[in-house]
Amino acid sequence: MRSAPITASLLAAALLTAACGSSGTHTQTPGPTSPTGDPSTTPTSVSSSTPPTTHPRTTPPTKPIPTPTVTPPAQAAVNSYVSFLNVSTAADRDPAHADAAALSRYATGQALSVIRDSINNMKAHRLAYRGTPPDPNVKIAVIGSATTVVLSSCPQQSSTDPFIQFNVATGEAVPVVKRTPPPPYLRVLTMQLVRGSWKLANIATNASKTCTP
């Protein structure tokens, strides 16, 4: 794949602007969800006074998200992003025991702050995820330079075993807040080469339009 004759940051903005139309661009930091979860899943009420009777570790582990084969210049960046998804999915399933060091290996800057805030929020409210993680549908948007690759993602939930948030104390699913338009939403993901390792540096989400793979 050839590099586009514009910078990666400009392309990322262009992708979101085109998808948003007149509605504008949204860079979201979801509430008690992570970048791997569905941002439409938001608790309407949470109790933290009841001792937990169910633990996210009791749910069966999910299979790792497979890594797609892409053009060689971007393969390492895609490999790293998929590794980030697998690590953050494990954190989603058990926020109380999230591997902070593993997250730092695959994320930095704004993206790392988003996932850390999300995990801390879920941990504080005794929330976790169960089910099959969404299919990320990762594509290369542009190879901006030798140190920057922009990816796009339109995560699709499983129709038979969706990735849902639940209350660890009760084991009950968290009510989902309906959104218009409904998810999934396009994500523009900026990968940067940091001291020899590709890391997810920025996550920008367009919530003004439902995306399609």
Protein backbone atom coordinates (compact mmCIF):
# COMPACT_ATOMS: atom_id res chain seq x y z
CA MET A 1 0.00 0.00 0.00
CA ARG A 2 1.40 3.43 -0.92
CA SER A 3 1.64 6.27 1.53
CA ALA A 4 -0.84 9.04 0.94
CA PRO A 5 0.56 12.48 0.03
CA ILE A 6 -0.82 13.97 3.26
CA THR A 7 0.14 13.50 6.86
CA ALA A 8 -1.43 10.79 8.95
CA SER A 9 -2.97 13.28 11.34
CA LEU A 10 -4.62 15.17 8.50
CA LEU A 11 -5.99 11.95 7.04
CA ALA A 12 -7.39 10.89 10.40
CA ALA A 13 -9.21 14.21 10.66
CA ALA A 14 -10.41 13.88 7.09
CA LEU A 15 -11.78 10.38 7.69
CA LEU A 16 -13.78 11.52 10.69
CA THR A 17 -14.97 14.72 9.04
CA ALA A 18 -16.19 12.81 6.00
CA ALA A 19 -18.03 10.34 8.18
CA CYS A 20 -19.53 13.02 10.39
CA GLY A 21 -20.84 15.29 7.63
CA SER A 22 -22.33 18.35 9.29
CA SER A 23 -22.52 16.72 12.71
CA GLY A 24 -18.89 17.30 13.62
CA THR A 25 -16.12 15.10 14.96
CA HIS A 26 -16.21 13.36 18.31
CA THR A 27 -13.17 12.18 20.22
CA GLN A 28 -14.79 10.05 22.87
CA THR A 29 -13.58 8.89 26.22
CA PRO A 30 -16.33 6.43 27.12
CA GLY A 31 -17.57 6.07 30.66
CA PRO A 32 -17.34 2.64 32.23
CA THR A 33 -16.30 0.94 28.99
CA SER A 34 -13.03 0.42 27.19
CA PRO A 35 -12.00 0.89 23.57
CA THR A 36 -12.71 -2.78 23.02
CA GLY A 37 -16.18 -2.64 24.52
CA ASP A 38 -19.32 -1.05 23.14
CA PRO A 39 -19.58 2.65 24.11
CA SER A 40 -23.37 2.31 24.07
CA THR A 41 -23.14 0.11 27.16
CA THR A 42 -23.56 2.51 30.05
CA PRO A 43 -24.94 1.65 33.51
CA THR A 44 -28.16 3.30 34.59
CA SER A 45 -27.55 2.39 38.22
CA VAL A 46 -24.67 0.72 40.03
CA SER A 47 -24.43 -0.57 43.58
CA SER A 48 -21.04 -0.85 45.25
CA SER A 49 -22.23 -1.76 48.74
CA THR A 50 -23.04 -5.43 48.10
CA PRO A 51 -20.12 -7.86 48.43
CA PRO A 52 -19.39 -9.51 45.10
CA THR A 53 -20.89 -12.94 44.61
CA THR A 54 -19.70 -13.35 41.03
CA HIS A 55 -16.24 -12.68 39.67
CA PRO A 56 -15.31 -11.96 36.03
CA ARG A 57 -12.59 -14.61 36.25
CA THR A 58 -15.31 -17.24 36.50
CA THR A 59 -16.34 -16.57 32.90
CA PRO A 60 -14.61 -18.69 30.24
CA PRO A 61 -11.62 -16.94 28.63
CA THR A 62 -12.23 -15.70 25.13
CA LYS A 63 -10.14 -16.76 22.17
CA PRO A 64 -7.51 -14.24 21.06
CA ILE A 65 -8.57 -11.92 18.27
CA PRO A 66 -6.85 -13.12 15.09
CA THR A 67 -4.33 -10.85 13.39
CA PRO A 68 -5.10 -9.99 9.75
CA THR A 69 -2.37 -10.09 7.13
CA VAL A 70 -1.81 -6.65 5.61
CA THR A 71 0.76 -4.88 3.47
CA PRO A 72 4.26 -5.48 4.95
CA PRO A 73 5.03 -1.84 5.89
CA ALA A 74 1.99 -1.77 8.20
CA GLN A 75 2.01 -5.36 9.46
CA ALA A 76 3.95 -4.63 12.66
CA ALA A 77 1.57 -1.78 13.54
CA VAL A 78 -1.47 -3.99 12.98
CA ASN A 79 0.12 -6.81 15.00
CA SER A 80 0.62 -4.40 17.89
CA TYR A 81 -2.95 -3.09 17.71
CA VAL A 82 -4.39 -6.60 17.80
CA SER A 83 -2.13 -7.39 20.77
CA PHE A 84 -3.53 -4.27 22.44
CA LEU A 85 -7.07 -5.50 21.78
CA ASN A 86 -6.33 -8.87 23.34
CA VAL A 87 -4.71 -7.31 26.42
CA SER A 88 -7.46 -4.73 26.86
CA THR A 89 -10.12 -7.42 26.39
CA ALA A 90 -8.56 -9.36 29.26
CA ALA A 91 -8.68 -6.16 31.31
CA ASP A 92 -12.35 -5.68 30.38
CA ARG A 93 -13.15 -9.15 31.64
CA ASP A 94 -11.34 -8.62 34.95
CA PRO A 95 -10.68 -4.92 35.65
CA ALA A 96 -9.65 -5.60 39.25
CA HIS A 97 -6.64 -7.58 38.01
CA ALA A 98 -5.82 -5.70 34.82
CA ASP A 99 -2.20 -5.97 33.65
CA ALA A 100 -1.13 -2.32 33.59
CA ALA A 101 2.35 -3.18 32.36
CA ALA A 102 0.97 -5.11 29.40
CA LEU A 103 -1.28 -2.20 28.45
CA SER A 104 1.71 0.15 28.52
CA ARG A 105 3.53 -2.12 26.08
CA TYR A 106 0.89 -1.53 23.43
CA ALA A 107 -0.55 1.93 24.15
CA THR A 108 0.70 5.41 24.95
CA GLY A 109 -0.55 8.98 25.28
CA GLN A 110 -4.28 9.62 24.86
CA ALA A 111 -5.09 5.98 24.10
CA LEU A 112 -3.41 4.72 27.26
CA SER A 113 -5.22 7.36 29.33
CA VAL A 114 -8.57 6.31 27.84
CA ILE A 115 -8.11 2.63 28.63
CA ARG A 116 -6.73 3.31 32.12
CA ASP A 117 -9.63 5.63 32.98
CA SER A 118 -12.06 3.05 31.66
CA ILE A 119 -10.57 0.20 33.68
CA ASN A 120 -10.40 2.30 36.85
CA ASN A 121 -14.03 3.31 36.35
CA MET A 122 -15.17 -0.28 35.91
CA LYS A 123 -13.09 -1.40 38.88
CA ALA A 124 -14.58 1.33 41.10
CA HIS A 125 -18.13 0.41 40.09
CA ARG A 126 -17.60 -3.36 40.10
CA LEU A 127 -18.28 -3.78 36.42
CA ALA A 128 -16.74 -6.15 33.89
CA TYR A 129 -17.43 -7.65 30.47
CA ARG A 130 -18.36 -11.12 29.32
CA GLY A 131 -19.09 -12.63 25.93
CA THR A 132 -17.22 -12.64 22.64
CA PRO A 133 -15.25 -9.46 21.87
CA PRO A 134 -16.43 -7.55 18.79
CA ASP A 135 -14.79 -8.28 15.45
CA PRO A 136 -12.64 -5.15 15.03
CA ASN A 137 -12.64 -5.14 11.21
CA VAL A 138 -9.29 -3.37 11.14
CA LYS A 139 -8.19 -1.69 7.91
CA ILE A 140 -5.21 0.45 6.94
CA ALA A 141 -6.20 4.07 6.39
CA VAL A 142 -2.73 5.37 5.54
CA ILE A 143 0.93 4.72 6.12
CA GLY A 144 1.80 8.26 7.09
CA SER A 145 5.52 7.77 7.60
CA ALA A 146 8.05 5.25 8.85
CA THR A 147 6.81 5.96 12.38
CA THR A 148 3.07 6.56 11.93
CA VAL A 149 0.30 4.33 10.62
CA VAL A 150 -3.40 5.21 10.78
CA LEU A 151 -5.89 2.36 11.03
CA SER A 152 -9.68 2.32 10.92
CA SER A 153 -11.99 -0.01 12.79
CA CYS A 154 -15.71 -0.72 12.64
CA PRO A 155 -16.25 -3.20 15.51
CA GLN A 156 -19.11 -5.66 15.01
CA GLN A 157 -20.75 -7.39 17.94
CA SER A 158 -21.36 -11.13 17.87
CA SER A 159 -25.00 -11.88 17.09
CA THR A 160 -24.99 -14.98 19.31
CA ASP A 161 -22.66 -14.01 22.18
CA PRO A 162 -22.31 -10.22 22.37
CA PHE A 163 -19.67 -8.58 24.52
CA ILE A 164 -21.76 -7.09 27.31
CA GLN A 165 -21.07 -5.34 30.57
CA PHE A 166 -22.29 -6.84 33.84
CA ASN A 167 -22.34 -6.01 37.52
CA VAL A 168 -19.81 -8.20 39.31
CA ALA A 169 -21.73 -7.94 42.58
CA THR A 170 -24.99 -9.26 41.17
CA GLY A 171 -23.96 -11.04 37.97
CA GLU A 172 -26.68 -9.13 36.13
CA ALA A 173 -26.15 -7.47 32.75
CA VAL A 174 -25.93 -3.69 32.81
CA PRO A 175 -28.87 -2.04 31.00
CA VAL A 176 -27.79 -0.62 27.66
CA VAL A 177 -28.56 3.00 26.89
CA LYS A 178 -30.02 3.26 23.40
CA ARG A 179 -28.25 5.72 21.12
CA THR A 180 -29.23 7.42 17.91
CA PRO A 181 -27.70 6.57 15.57
CA PRO A 182 -26.90 3.16 17.01
CA PRO A 183 -23.38 1.71 17.17
CA PRO A 184 -21.03 0.51 15.80
CA TYR A 185 -19.09 3.72 15.26
CA LEU A 186 -16.02 4.31 13.13
CA ARG A 187 -12.78 4.48 15.05
CA VAL A 188 -9.65 6.09 13.65
CA LEU A 189 -6.59 4.67 15.37
CA THR A 190 -3.18 6.32 15.22
CA MET A 191 -0.27 3.93 15.72
CA GLN A 192 3.16 5.36 16.47
CA LEU A 193 6.59 3.77 16.57
CA VAL A 194 7.95 4.52 20.04
CA ARG A 195 11.53 3.42 20.75
CA GLY A 196 11.24 0.52 18.35
CA SER A 197 7.76 -0.62 19.39
CA TRP A 198 4.45 0.19 17.71
CA LYS A 199 1.90 1.60 20.13
CA LEU A 200 -1.66 2.87 19.91
CA ALA A 201 -1.35 6.61 20.54
CA ASN A 202 -4.78 8.03 19.76
CA ILE A 203 -8.37 6.82 19.45
CA ALA A 204 -10.92 9.05 17.70
CA THR A 205 -14.53 7.88 17.47
CA ASN A 206 -17.25 9.24 15.20
CA ALA A 207 -20.55 8.69 17.01
CA SER A 208 -22.62 10.67 14.51
CA LYS A 209 -23.03 7.80 12.07
CA THR A 210 -23.35 4.01 12.19
CA CYS A 211 -20.38 2.47 10.41
CA THR A 212 -20.29 -0.62 8.20
CA PRO A 213 -17.29 -2.92 7.66
